[in-house]
Every structure is written in C-alpha cells, then in structure tokens.
Amino acid sequence: MILEQRILRSIANRKDPVFLRKQFEAMGSPAQVSRALKSLVGSGQLIKIRRGVYKKTERERSALQEAVDIFGSKEEAISNVLSFWKKSQPSDIDLSQLVTINQLRFKIPRFWSSPEKLSAQNIIAVVLSNPTEDDVSTLCRKFGVHAVWEVLKKLETLGELSRGQRLYSHQFLKKFAIADCHAV
C-alpha cells in the first residue's frame, strides 16, 4: 500500500483534525514520511501548520462529515453515495467529442506532445493514468463525475490501469461524488 494512503487511512477516523509528523514514524523512513506528507500537502489533502504539525483539510472533512451525519457511518455514507452514482443515468457528455486541451488547465503537463484537440475519453484516460486530486477535479467539473466514472470502468475492464492508479482514481471520485451529493 502506498504510504500516502496509509497516512490518510490512519487520520481518517481521528476526531482531532491536527496531528504530528512523529505519529507516522513507524510507517516508513524519515525521508519516506516527509515525501508522503509533502505530497499530501501539495495535493490539498492536508494543511501544514508548521514544522511537524499538520491538519486535515476542512473542505474534505465537512463534506464527508455531512454524508456520515445523513447515513450514520462512514462506510455506509460512501457505499450509499457510490450506489447513487452507479445507478444514476449515464453521462450526457459525448465522450468522442473533441476538446481543446489548453482550456482545461491541468496541474501536471501531460499533453505537451499531443494535438491541440483530443476526444474527451482520451483526455480522461490520460489523466486517470497518472491521477492527481486537482486534475481529477478538473475532469469532474468539465465532463461530470459520471463521464469520468464511465471511462474509469472501461479502463479497468481493459486492464489498462495499475492497482495504484485504480486506488487513487476511486479515492478521488468517491470524494467528488460525496461533495456533489452534499451540494444537492
């Protein structure tokens, strides 16, 4: 399991949103823990208060907490939200439509050698092959969670994604599904 995911899982059920770096010393070497925490701060999943002191992001916590308040437990909240998204209508987006890549403003430059326009499906697939929270968020805002979910399912069926790519993509899509249900 990736260290970032282990850290997120470790802090997920804690009531106190503030925690210390030394609480993760047993999970890996000091360099590994530092890189993982830096990555989580960079992706917006944690906030660095000062050296060695971190905090959960309020946005993620509040949307998830609202869902937990509605459904009773974290597991049931995630299960119900995902069930809602899986049963709802397929995306209205034509995944074969050509989209100008420069308009999307991804954090990671993945399309530097690509044509100016690609199909929505190809853009989603490329981003899901190296997912970041910000870039998956951009996909969800532009094409909708349903369209991203459809492409993710196709890639999984074809065996095109590694285990890590699938885990990150599912983690990010769960978060956006919860946030979208929270907004309704």
N, C-alpha and C. Protein backbone atom coordinates (compact mmCIF):
# COMPACT_ATOMS: atom_id res chain seq x y z
N MET A 1 0.85 -1.18 0.00
CA MET A 1 0.00 0.00 0.00
C MET A 1 0.90 1.25 0.00
N ILE A 2 0.50 2.25 -0.70
CA ILE A 2 1.26 3.48 -0.81
C ILE A 2 1.20 4.23 0.52
N LEU A 3 2.34 4.81 0.91
CA LEU A 3 2.43 5.46 2.22
C LEU A 3 1.42 6.59 2.38
N GLU A 4 1.17 7.37 1.32
CA GLU A 4 0.18 8.44 1.41
C GLU A 4 -1.19 7.89 1.80
N GLN A 5 -1.55 6.77 1.20
CA GLN A 5 -2.84 6.17 1.51
C GLN A 5 -2.88 5.64 2.94
N ARG A 6 -1.76 5.10 3.40
CA ARG A 6 -1.71 4.61 4.77
C ARG A 6 -1.86 5.77 5.76
N ILE A 7 -1.24 6.90 5.45
CA ILE A 7 -1.36 8.08 6.32
C ILE A 7 -2.80 8.58 6.33
N LEU A 8 -3.40 8.69 5.14
CA LEU A 8 -4.79 9.15 5.06
C LEU A 8 -5.73 8.22 5.82
N ARG A 9 -5.51 6.93 5.67
CA ARG A 9 -6.35 5.96 6.38
C ARG A 9 -6.15 6.09 7.89
N SER A 10 -4.91 6.35 8.31
CA SER A 10 -4.61 6.49 9.73
C SER A 10 -5.33 7.69 10.36
N ILE A 11 -5.42 8.79 9.61
CA ILE A 11 -6.02 10.00 10.18
C ILE A 11 -7.52 10.11 9.90
N ALA A 12 -8.04 9.25 9.03
CA ALA A 12 -9.44 9.37 8.59
C ALA A 12 -10.44 9.33 9.75
N ASN A 13 -10.23 8.45 10.71
CA ASN A 13 -11.21 8.28 11.78
C ASN A 13 -10.87 9.06 13.04
N ARG A 14 -9.81 9.83 13.00
CA ARG A 14 -9.45 10.63 14.18
C ARG A 14 -10.38 11.83 14.30
N LYS A 15 -10.81 12.08 15.52
CA LYS A 15 -11.68 13.24 15.75
C LYS A 15 -10.88 14.54 15.71
N ASP A 16 -9.66 14.48 16.22
CA ASP A 16 -8.81 15.67 16.24
C ASP A 16 -8.24 15.88 14.83
N PRO A 17 -8.50 17.03 14.22
CA PRO A 17 -8.01 17.24 12.86
C PRO A 17 -6.52 17.58 12.80
N VAL A 18 -5.87 17.83 13.94
CA VAL A 18 -4.46 18.20 13.98
C VAL A 18 -3.65 16.99 14.45
N PHE A 19 -2.50 16.77 13.81
CA PHE A 19 -1.66 15.64 14.20
C PHE A 19 -0.21 15.99 13.94
N LEU A 20 0.68 15.19 14.53
CA LEU A 20 2.12 15.43 14.45
C LEU A 20 2.79 14.44 13.50
N ARG A 21 3.85 14.88 12.88
CA ARG A 21 4.61 14.04 11.95
C ARG A 21 5.12 12.80 12.65
N LYS A 22 5.54 12.93 13.90
CA LYS A 22 6.13 11.80 14.61
C LYS A 22 5.14 10.65 14.81
N GLN A 23 3.85 10.92 14.64
CA GLN A 23 2.85 9.86 14.77
C GLN A 23 2.94 8.85 13.62
N PHE A 24 3.69 9.18 12.56
CA PHE A 24 3.80 8.31 11.40
C PHE A 24 5.20 7.71 11.25
N GLU A 25 6.05 7.87 12.25
CA GLU A 25 7.43 7.40 12.17
C GLU A 25 7.52 5.91 11.90
N ALA A 26 6.61 5.13 12.43
CA ALA A 26 6.66 3.68 12.27
C ALA A 26 6.25 3.23 10.87
N MET A 27 5.70 4.11 10.07
CA MET A 27 5.20 3.74 8.74
C MET A 27 6.28 3.70 7.67
N GLY A 28 7.42 4.30 7.94
CA GLY A 28 8.49 4.32 6.94
C GLY A 28 9.68 5.11 7.43
N SER A 29 10.67 5.22 6.56
CA SER A 29 11.86 6.00 6.92
C SER A 29 11.48 7.48 7.04
N PRO A 30 12.31 8.27 7.71
CA PRO A 30 12.01 9.70 7.81
C PRO A 30 11.84 10.37 6.45
N ALA A 31 12.66 9.97 5.47
CA ALA A 31 12.56 10.56 4.13
C ALA A 31 11.24 10.17 3.46
N GLN A 32 10.84 8.91 3.62
CA GLN A 32 9.58 8.47 3.02
C GLN A 32 8.39 9.20 3.63
N VAL A 33 8.39 9.33 4.94
CA VAL A 33 7.28 10.02 5.62
C VAL A 33 7.24 11.48 5.19
N SER A 34 8.42 12.11 5.11
CA SER A 34 8.47 13.51 4.68
C SER A 34 7.93 13.69 3.26
N ARG A 35 8.34 12.80 2.36
CA ARG A 35 7.85 12.88 0.97
C ARG A 35 6.34 12.66 0.91
N ALA A 36 5.85 11.70 1.68
CA ALA A 36 4.41 11.42 1.66
C ALA A 36 3.62 12.61 2.19
N LEU A 37 4.06 13.19 3.29
CA LEU A 37 3.36 14.35 3.85
C LEU A 37 3.43 15.54 2.90
N LYS A 38 4.58 15.74 2.28
CA LYS A 38 4.73 16.84 1.32
C LYS A 38 3.78 16.63 0.13
N SER A 39 3.66 15.40 -0.32
CA SER A 39 2.76 15.08 -1.42
C SER A 39 1.30 15.34 -1.03
N LEU A 40 0.93 14.95 0.17
CA LEU A 40 -0.45 15.16 0.63
C LEU A 40 -0.76 16.65 0.80
N VAL A 41 0.23 17.42 1.24
CA VAL A 41 0.05 18.88 1.35
C VAL A 41 -0.08 19.47 -0.05
N GLY A 42 0.77 19.01 -0.98
CA GLY A 42 0.74 19.51 -2.35
C GLY A 42 -0.56 19.21 -3.07
N SER A 43 -1.18 18.07 -2.75
CA SER A 43 -2.43 17.70 -3.41
C SER A 43 -3.65 18.29 -2.70
N GLY A 44 -3.42 19.03 -1.61
CA GLY A 44 -4.53 19.68 -0.91
C GLY A 44 -5.27 18.80 0.06
N GLN A 45 -4.73 17.61 0.35
CA GLN A 45 -5.41 16.71 1.27
C GLN A 45 -5.04 16.99 2.72
N LEU A 46 -3.93 17.68 2.93
CA LEU A 46 -3.51 18.09 4.28
C LEU A 46 -3.05 19.53 4.23
N ILE A 47 -3.04 20.17 5.38
CA ILE A 47 -2.52 21.53 5.52
C ILE A 47 -1.36 21.48 6.49
N LYS A 48 -0.24 22.07 6.10
CA LYS A 48 0.91 22.13 7.00
C LYS A 48 0.78 23.40 7.84
N ILE A 49 0.67 23.21 9.15
CA ILE A 49 0.52 24.35 10.05
C ILE A 49 1.88 24.95 10.35
N ARG A 50 2.82 24.09 10.73
CA ARG A 50 4.22 24.48 10.93
C ARG A 50 5.03 23.20 10.89
N ARG A 51 6.31 23.30 11.10
CA ARG A 51 7.19 22.13 11.00
C ARG A 51 6.70 21.00 11.91
N GLY A 52 6.37 19.87 11.29
CA GLY A 52 5.96 18.69 12.03
C GLY A 52 4.52 18.67 12.49
N VAL A 53 3.73 19.71 12.17
CA VAL A 53 2.33 19.78 12.60
C VAL A 53 1.45 19.93 11.36
N TYR A 54 0.48 19.04 11.23
CA TYR A 54 -0.39 19.02 10.06
C TYR A 54 -1.85 18.99 10.49
N LYS A 55 -2.72 19.34 9.53
CA LYS A 55 -4.15 19.39 9.81
C LYS A 55 -4.92 18.85 8.61
N LYS A 56 -6.02 18.15 8.88
CA LYS A 56 -6.90 17.71 7.80
C LYS A 56 -7.51 18.94 7.14
N THR A 57 -7.81 18.83 5.86
CA THR A 57 -8.47 19.95 5.19
C THR A 57 -9.93 19.97 5.61
N GLU A 58 -10.43 21.14 5.89
CA GLU A 58 -11.81 21.28 6.37
C GLU A 58 -12.82 20.93 5.30
N ARG A 59 -12.54 21.29 4.04
CA ARG A 59 -13.48 21.03 2.95
C ARG A 59 -13.79 19.55 2.85
N GLU A 60 -12.74 18.72 2.84
CA GLU A 60 -12.94 17.28 2.73
C GLU A 60 -13.67 16.75 3.95
N ARG A 61 -13.27 17.20 5.11
CA ARG A 61 -13.86 16.72 6.35
C ARG A 61 -15.33 17.09 6.45
N SER A 62 -15.69 18.32 6.08
CA SER A 62 -17.07 18.75 6.24
C SER A 62 -18.02 18.02 5.28
N ALA A 63 -17.62 17.83 4.02
CA ALA A 63 -18.48 17.13 3.08
C ALA A 63 -18.67 15.68 3.51
N LEU A 64 -17.59 15.03 3.91
CA LEU A 64 -17.69 13.65 4.37
C LEU A 64 -18.49 13.58 5.66
N GLN A 65 -18.26 14.53 6.57
CA GLN A 65 -18.99 14.51 7.84
C GLN A 65 -20.49 14.70 7.62
N GLU A 66 -20.86 15.55 6.66
CA GLU A 66 -22.27 15.73 6.32
C GLU A 66 -22.87 14.41 5.83
N ALA A 67 -22.15 13.71 4.97
CA ALA A 67 -22.64 12.43 4.46
C ALA A 67 -22.75 11.41 5.59
N VAL A 68 -21.79 11.41 6.50
CA VAL A 68 -21.84 10.50 7.65
C VAL A 68 -23.04 10.83 8.53
N ASP A 69 -23.30 12.11 8.73
CA ASP A 69 -24.46 12.52 9.53
C ASP A 69 -25.77 12.03 8.90
N ILE A 70 -25.82 12.03 7.58
CA ILE A 70 -27.03 11.60 6.87
C ILE A 70 -27.19 10.09 6.93
N PHE A 71 -26.08 9.35 6.68
CA PHE A 71 -26.18 7.90 6.53
C PHE A 71 -25.80 7.11 7.78
N GLY A 72 -25.20 7.74 8.77
CA GLY A 72 -24.92 7.04 10.03
C GLY A 72 -23.48 6.63 10.25
N SER A 73 -22.80 6.10 9.25
CA SER A 73 -21.40 5.71 9.40
C SER A 73 -20.65 6.07 8.13
N LYS A 74 -19.33 6.14 8.25
CA LYS A 74 -18.52 6.50 7.10
C LYS A 74 -18.66 5.47 5.98
N GLU A 75 -18.62 4.19 6.33
CA GLU A 75 -18.72 3.14 5.34
C GLU A 75 -20.07 3.18 4.62
N GLU A 76 -21.13 3.38 5.39
CA GLU A 76 -22.47 3.44 4.80
C GLU A 76 -22.63 4.69 3.93
N ALA A 77 -22.04 5.80 4.37
CA ALA A 77 -22.12 7.04 3.58
C ALA A 77 -21.45 6.84 2.23
N ILE A 78 -20.25 6.31 2.22
CA ILE A 78 -19.53 6.10 0.96
C ILE A 78 -20.27 5.09 0.10
N SER A 79 -20.75 4.02 0.69
CA SER A 79 -21.48 2.99 -0.05
C SER A 79 -22.74 3.57 -0.70
N ASN A 80 -23.52 4.35 0.05
CA ASN A 80 -24.75 4.94 -0.48
C ASN A 80 -24.48 5.96 -1.58
N VAL A 81 -23.46 6.76 -1.40
CA VAL A 81 -23.13 7.77 -2.41
C VAL A 81 -22.68 7.09 -3.69
N LEU A 82 -21.82 6.07 -3.57
CA LEU A 82 -21.37 5.37 -4.77
C LEU A 82 -22.52 4.62 -5.44
N SER A 83 -23.39 4.05 -4.64
CA SER A 83 -24.55 3.36 -5.18
C SER A 83 -25.42 4.34 -5.98
N PHE A 84 -25.59 5.53 -5.43
CA PHE A 84 -26.36 6.57 -6.12
C PHE A 84 -25.75 6.88 -7.48
N TRP A 85 -24.42 7.05 -7.51
CA TRP A 85 -23.76 7.40 -8.76
C TRP A 85 -23.80 6.26 -9.75
N LYS A 86 -23.67 5.03 -9.28
CA LYS A 86 -23.67 3.89 -10.20
C LYS A 86 -25.06 3.67 -10.81
N LYS A 87 -26.13 3.93 -10.05
CA LYS A 87 -27.49 3.70 -10.53
C LYS A 87 -28.03 4.86 -11.36
N SER A 88 -27.45 6.03 -11.22
CA SER A 88 -27.98 7.19 -11.91
C SER A 88 -27.71 7.10 -13.42
N GLN A 89 -28.32 8.00 -14.14
CA GLN A 89 -28.24 7.99 -15.60
C GLN A 89 -26.79 8.12 -16.06
N PRO A 90 -26.46 7.48 -17.18
CA PRO A 90 -25.12 7.65 -17.73
C PRO A 90 -24.88 9.09 -18.13
N SER A 91 -23.65 9.41 -18.33
CA SER A 91 -23.27 10.77 -18.68
C SER A 91 -23.91 11.22 -19.98
N ASP A 92 -24.32 12.49 -20.03
CA ASP A 92 -24.86 13.08 -21.25
C ASP A 92 -23.74 13.57 -22.17
N ILE A 93 -22.52 13.53 -21.68
CA ILE A 93 -21.38 14.01 -22.45
C ILE A 93 -21.05 12.99 -23.54
N ASP A 94 -20.85 13.48 -24.75
CA ASP A 94 -20.38 12.62 -25.84
C ASP A 94 -18.87 12.48 -25.66
N LEU A 95 -18.44 11.31 -25.22
CA LEU A 95 -17.02 11.10 -24.90
C LEU A 95 -16.14 11.12 -26.14
N SER A 96 -16.73 11.08 -27.34
CA SER A 96 -15.92 11.15 -28.57
C SER A 96 -15.74 12.58 -29.06
N GLN A 97 -16.43 13.54 -28.40
CA GLN A 97 -16.31 14.94 -28.84
C GLN A 97 -14.88 15.44 -28.65
N LEU A 98 -14.42 16.27 -29.56
CA LEU A 98 -13.09 16.83 -29.47
C LEU A 98 -13.10 18.03 -28.52
N VAL A 99 -12.08 18.08 -27.67
CA VAL A 99 -11.97 19.14 -26.67
C VAL A 99 -10.59 19.78 -26.79
N THR A 100 -10.54 21.12 -26.73
CA THR A 100 -9.27 21.82 -26.75
C THR A 100 -8.59 21.65 -25.40
N ILE A 101 -7.42 21.07 -25.41
CA ILE A 101 -6.72 20.70 -24.18
C ILE A 101 -6.31 21.93 -23.36
N ASN A 102 -5.87 22.98 -24.03
CA ASN A 102 -5.37 24.16 -23.31
C ASN A 102 -6.41 24.81 -22.40
N GLN A 103 -7.68 24.61 -22.69
CA GLN A 103 -8.75 25.22 -21.89
C GLN A 103 -8.90 24.56 -20.52
N LEU A 104 -8.36 23.36 -20.36
CA LEU A 104 -8.61 22.61 -19.14
C LEU A 104 -7.66 22.95 -17.99
N ARG A 105 -6.49 23.43 -18.25
CA ARG A 105 -5.54 23.89 -17.24
C ARG A 105 -5.24 22.85 -16.16
N PHE A 106 -4.64 21.75 -16.58
CA PHE A 106 -4.24 20.71 -15.64
C PHE A 106 -2.98 21.13 -14.89
N LYS A 107 -2.83 20.62 -13.68
CA LYS A 107 -1.65 20.93 -12.86
C LYS A 107 -0.40 20.23 -13.41
N ILE A 108 -0.57 18.99 -13.87
CA ILE A 108 0.55 18.23 -14.42
C ILE A 108 0.49 18.30 -15.94
N PRO A 109 1.58 18.72 -16.60
CA PRO A 109 1.56 18.79 -18.07
C PRO A 109 1.69 17.40 -18.69
N ARG A 110 0.59 16.86 -19.15
CA ARG A 110 0.58 15.51 -19.73
C ARG A 110 0.44 15.54 -21.25
N PHE A 111 0.07 16.66 -21.81
CA PHE A 111 -0.32 16.72 -23.22
C PHE A 111 0.64 17.55 -24.07
N TRP A 112 1.87 17.69 -23.67
CA TRP A 112 2.80 18.56 -24.37
C TRP A 112 3.10 18.09 -25.79
N SER A 113 2.99 16.79 -26.06
CA SER A 113 3.28 16.32 -27.42
C SER A 113 2.01 15.87 -28.15
N SER A 114 0.86 16.23 -27.62
CA SER A 114 -0.42 15.82 -28.21
C SER A 114 -0.93 16.89 -29.16
N PRO A 115 -1.87 16.51 -30.02
CA PRO A 115 -2.52 17.53 -30.85
C PRO A 115 -3.28 18.53 -29.98
N GLU A 116 -3.71 19.63 -30.58
CA GLU A 116 -4.40 20.67 -29.82
C GLU A 116 -5.73 20.18 -29.25
N LYS A 117 -6.38 19.28 -29.98
CA LYS A 117 -7.66 18.74 -29.52
C LYS A 117 -7.59 17.22 -29.45
N LEU A 118 -8.24 16.67 -28.41
CA LEU A 118 -8.39 15.23 -28.25
C LEU A 118 -9.82 14.94 -27.84
N SER A 119 -10.22 13.70 -27.96
CA SER A 119 -11.56 13.33 -27.52
C SER A 119 -11.62 13.40 -26.00
N ALA A 120 -12.80 13.66 -25.48
CA ALA A 120 -12.99 13.72 -24.02
C ALA A 120 -12.55 12.41 -23.37
N GLN A 121 -12.86 11.29 -24.02
CA GLN A 121 -12.48 9.99 -23.47
C GLN A 121 -10.97 9.84 -23.38
N ASN A 122 -10.24 10.28 -24.40
CA ASN A 122 -8.77 10.19 -24.36
C ASN A 122 -8.19 11.09 -23.29
N ILE A 123 -8.72 12.28 -23.14
CA ILE A 123 -8.22 13.20 -22.11
C ILE A 123 -8.44 12.59 -20.73
N ILE A 124 -9.64 12.07 -20.48
CA ILE A 124 -9.94 11.46 -19.18
C ILE A 124 -9.01 10.27 -18.93
N ALA A 125 -8.81 9.43 -19.94
CA ALA A 125 -7.96 8.25 -19.80
C ALA A 125 -6.52 8.64 -19.47
N VAL A 126 -6.00 9.66 -20.13
CA VAL A 126 -4.63 10.09 -19.88
C VAL A 126 -4.49 10.60 -18.44
N VAL A 127 -5.44 11.39 -17.98
CA VAL A 127 -5.37 11.92 -16.62
C VAL A 127 -5.50 10.78 -15.60
N LEU A 128 -6.38 9.82 -15.84
CA LEU A 128 -6.55 8.71 -14.90
C LEU A 128 -5.34 7.78 -14.88
N SER A 129 -4.49 7.85 -15.91
CA SER A 129 -3.29 7.03 -15.91
C SER A 129 -2.23 7.60 -14.97
N ASN A 130 -2.37 8.85 -14.58
CA ASN A 130 -1.48 9.50 -13.60
C ASN A 130 -2.32 10.52 -12.83
N PRO A 131 -3.24 10.02 -11.98
CA PRO A 131 -4.23 10.93 -11.38
C PRO A 131 -3.67 11.77 -10.24
N THR A 132 -4.12 13.01 -10.21
CA THR A 132 -3.91 13.88 -9.04
C THR A 132 -5.29 14.41 -8.67
N GLU A 133 -5.44 14.80 -7.42
CA GLU A 133 -6.74 15.28 -6.98
C GLU A 133 -7.19 16.50 -7.78
N ASP A 134 -6.27 17.45 -8.00
CA ASP A 134 -6.63 18.66 -8.74
C ASP A 134 -7.07 18.36 -10.17
N ASP A 135 -6.33 17.46 -10.84
CA ASP A 135 -6.65 17.18 -12.23
C ASP A 135 -7.92 16.34 -12.37
N VAL A 136 -8.17 15.42 -11.44
CA VAL A 136 -9.44 14.68 -11.46
C VAL A 136 -10.59 15.64 -11.17
N SER A 137 -10.36 16.61 -10.30
CA SER A 137 -11.37 17.63 -10.02
C SER A 137 -11.68 18.42 -11.29
N THR A 138 -10.66 18.77 -12.05
CA THR A 138 -10.86 19.48 -13.32
C THR A 138 -11.70 18.64 -14.27
N LEU A 139 -11.40 17.34 -14.35
CA LEU A 139 -12.19 16.45 -15.21
C LEU A 139 -13.65 16.41 -14.77
N CYS A 140 -13.86 16.28 -13.45
CA CYS A 140 -15.24 16.19 -12.93
C CYS A 140 -16.02 17.47 -13.19
N ARG A 141 -15.37 18.62 -13.06
CA ARG A 141 -16.05 19.88 -13.33
C ARG A 141 -16.37 20.05 -14.82
N LYS A 142 -15.44 19.62 -15.68
CA LYS A 142 -15.63 19.81 -17.13
C LYS A 142 -16.59 18.77 -17.72
N PHE A 143 -16.42 17.50 -17.37
CA PHE A 143 -17.17 16.43 -18.01
C PHE A 143 -18.22 15.79 -17.11
N GLY A 144 -18.12 16.01 -15.79
CA GLY A 144 -19.04 15.39 -14.84
C GLY A 144 -18.46 14.10 -14.27
N VAL A 145 -18.87 13.79 -13.04
CA VAL A 145 -18.38 12.59 -12.36
C VAL A 145 -18.78 11.34 -13.14
N HIS A 146 -19.98 11.35 -13.74
CA HIS A 146 -20.45 10.17 -14.49
C HIS A 146 -19.53 9.83 -15.65
N ALA A 147 -19.14 10.84 -16.41
CA ALA A 147 -18.28 10.59 -17.56
C ALA A 147 -16.92 10.04 -17.12
N VAL A 148 -16.37 10.62 -16.07
CA VAL A 148 -15.08 10.14 -15.56
C VAL A 148 -15.23 8.71 -15.05
N TRP A 149 -16.33 8.44 -14.36
CA TRP A 149 -16.59 7.09 -13.85
C TRP A 149 -16.71 6.08 -15.00
N GLU A 150 -17.40 6.47 -16.09
CA GLU A 150 -17.56 5.58 -17.24
C GLU A 150 -16.21 5.21 -17.85
N VAL A 151 -15.35 6.20 -18.03
CA VAL A 151 -14.03 5.94 -18.61
C VAL A 151 -13.20 5.09 -17.66
N LEU A 152 -13.27 5.37 -16.37
CA LEU A 152 -12.54 4.57 -15.38
C LEU A 152 -12.96 3.11 -15.47
N LYS A 153 -14.27 2.86 -15.56
CA LYS A 153 -14.77 1.48 -15.66
C LYS A 153 -14.26 0.79 -16.95
N LYS A 154 -14.24 1.54 -18.06
CA LYS A 154 -13.73 0.97 -19.31
C LYS A 154 -12.25 0.60 -19.17
N LEU A 155 -11.47 1.50 -18.59
CA LEU A 155 -10.04 1.25 -18.41
C LEU A 155 -9.80 0.05 -17.49
N GLU A 156 -10.62 -0.07 -16.44
CA GLU A 156 -10.49 -1.22 -15.54
C GLU A 156 -10.84 -2.52 -16.26
N THR A 157 -11.89 -2.49 -17.05
CA THR A 157 -12.31 -3.68 -17.80
C THR A 157 -11.22 -4.13 -18.76
N LEU A 158 -10.54 -3.17 -19.38
CA LEU A 158 -9.48 -3.49 -20.33
C LEU A 158 -8.15 -3.80 -19.64
N GLY A 159 -8.09 -3.61 -18.32
CA GLY A 159 -6.86 -3.86 -17.58
C GLY A 159 -5.77 -2.83 -17.86
N GLU A 160 -6.17 -1.61 -18.18
CA GLU A 160 -5.23 -0.56 -18.57
C GLU A 160 -4.63 0.20 -17.39
N LEU A 161 -5.16 0.03 -16.19
CA LEU A 161 -4.68 0.78 -15.03
C LEU A 161 -4.02 -0.14 -14.02
N SER A 162 -2.96 0.37 -13.40
CA SER A 162 -2.32 -0.39 -12.33
C SER A 162 -3.19 -0.31 -11.07
N ARG A 163 -2.84 -1.08 -10.08
CA ARG A 163 -3.59 -1.08 -8.82
C ARG A 163 -3.57 0.32 -8.19
N GLY A 164 -2.41 0.96 -8.18
CA GLY A 164 -2.29 2.30 -7.60
C GLY A 164 -3.13 3.33 -8.34
N GLN A 165 -3.12 3.25 -9.66
CA GLN A 165 -3.93 4.18 -10.46
C GLN A 165 -5.41 4.00 -10.16
N ARG A 166 -5.84 2.74 -10.04
CA ARG A 166 -7.25 2.47 -9.72
C ARG A 166 -7.60 2.99 -8.34
N LEU A 167 -6.72 2.74 -7.35
CA LEU A 167 -6.99 3.18 -5.98
C LEU A 167 -7.11 4.69 -5.88
N TYR A 168 -6.14 5.40 -6.48
CA TYR A 168 -6.19 6.86 -6.44
C TYR A 168 -7.43 7.39 -7.15
N SER A 169 -7.72 6.85 -8.33
CA SER A 169 -8.88 7.32 -9.09
C SER A 169 -10.17 7.10 -8.31
N HIS A 170 -10.32 5.91 -7.72
CA HIS A 170 -11.52 5.63 -6.93
C HIS A 170 -11.59 6.56 -5.72
N GLN A 171 -10.46 6.77 -5.06
CA GLN A 171 -10.43 7.65 -3.89
C GLN A 171 -10.88 9.06 -4.26
N PHE A 172 -10.37 9.59 -5.35
CA PHE A 172 -10.73 10.95 -5.76
C PHE A 172 -12.19 11.02 -6.20
N LEU A 173 -12.66 10.02 -6.95
CA LEU A 173 -14.05 10.04 -7.41
C LEU A 173 -15.03 9.89 -6.26
N LYS A 174 -14.68 9.10 -5.26
CA LYS A 174 -15.55 9.00 -4.07
C LYS A 174 -15.71 10.37 -3.43
N LYS A 175 -14.59 11.08 -3.31
CA LYS A 175 -14.62 12.40 -2.69
C LYS A 175 -15.52 13.36 -3.48
N PHE A 176 -15.42 13.33 -4.82
CA PHE A 176 -16.23 14.23 -5.63
C PHE A 176 -17.69 13.82 -5.63
N ALA A 177 -17.96 12.51 -5.59
CA ALA A 177 -19.34 12.04 -5.52
C ALA A 177 -19.98 12.50 -4.23
N ILE A 178 -19.25 12.40 -3.12
CA ILE A 178 -19.76 12.85 -1.82
C ILE A 178 -20.01 14.35 -1.83
N ALA A 179 -19.05 15.10 -2.39
CA ALA A 179 -19.20 16.55 -2.45
C ALA A 179 -20.39 16.96 -3.32
N ASP A 180 -20.59 16.26 -4.46
CA ASP A 180 -21.72 16.57 -5.33
C ASP A 180 -23.05 16.26 -4.65
N CYS A 181 -23.13 15.13 -3.94
CA CYS A 181 -24.36 14.80 -3.22
C CYS A 181 -24.61 15.79 -2.10
N HIS A 182 -23.52 16.27 -1.50
CA HIS A 182 -23.62 17.25 -0.42
C HIS A 182 -24.19 18.57 -0.97
N ALA A 183 -23.83 18.90 -2.21
CA ALA A 183 -24.28 20.16 -2.81
C ALA A 183 -25.74 20.12 -3.21
N VAL A 184 -26.29 18.92 -3.43
CA VAL A 184 -27.70 18.79 -3.89
C VAL A 184 -28.68 19.10 -2.81
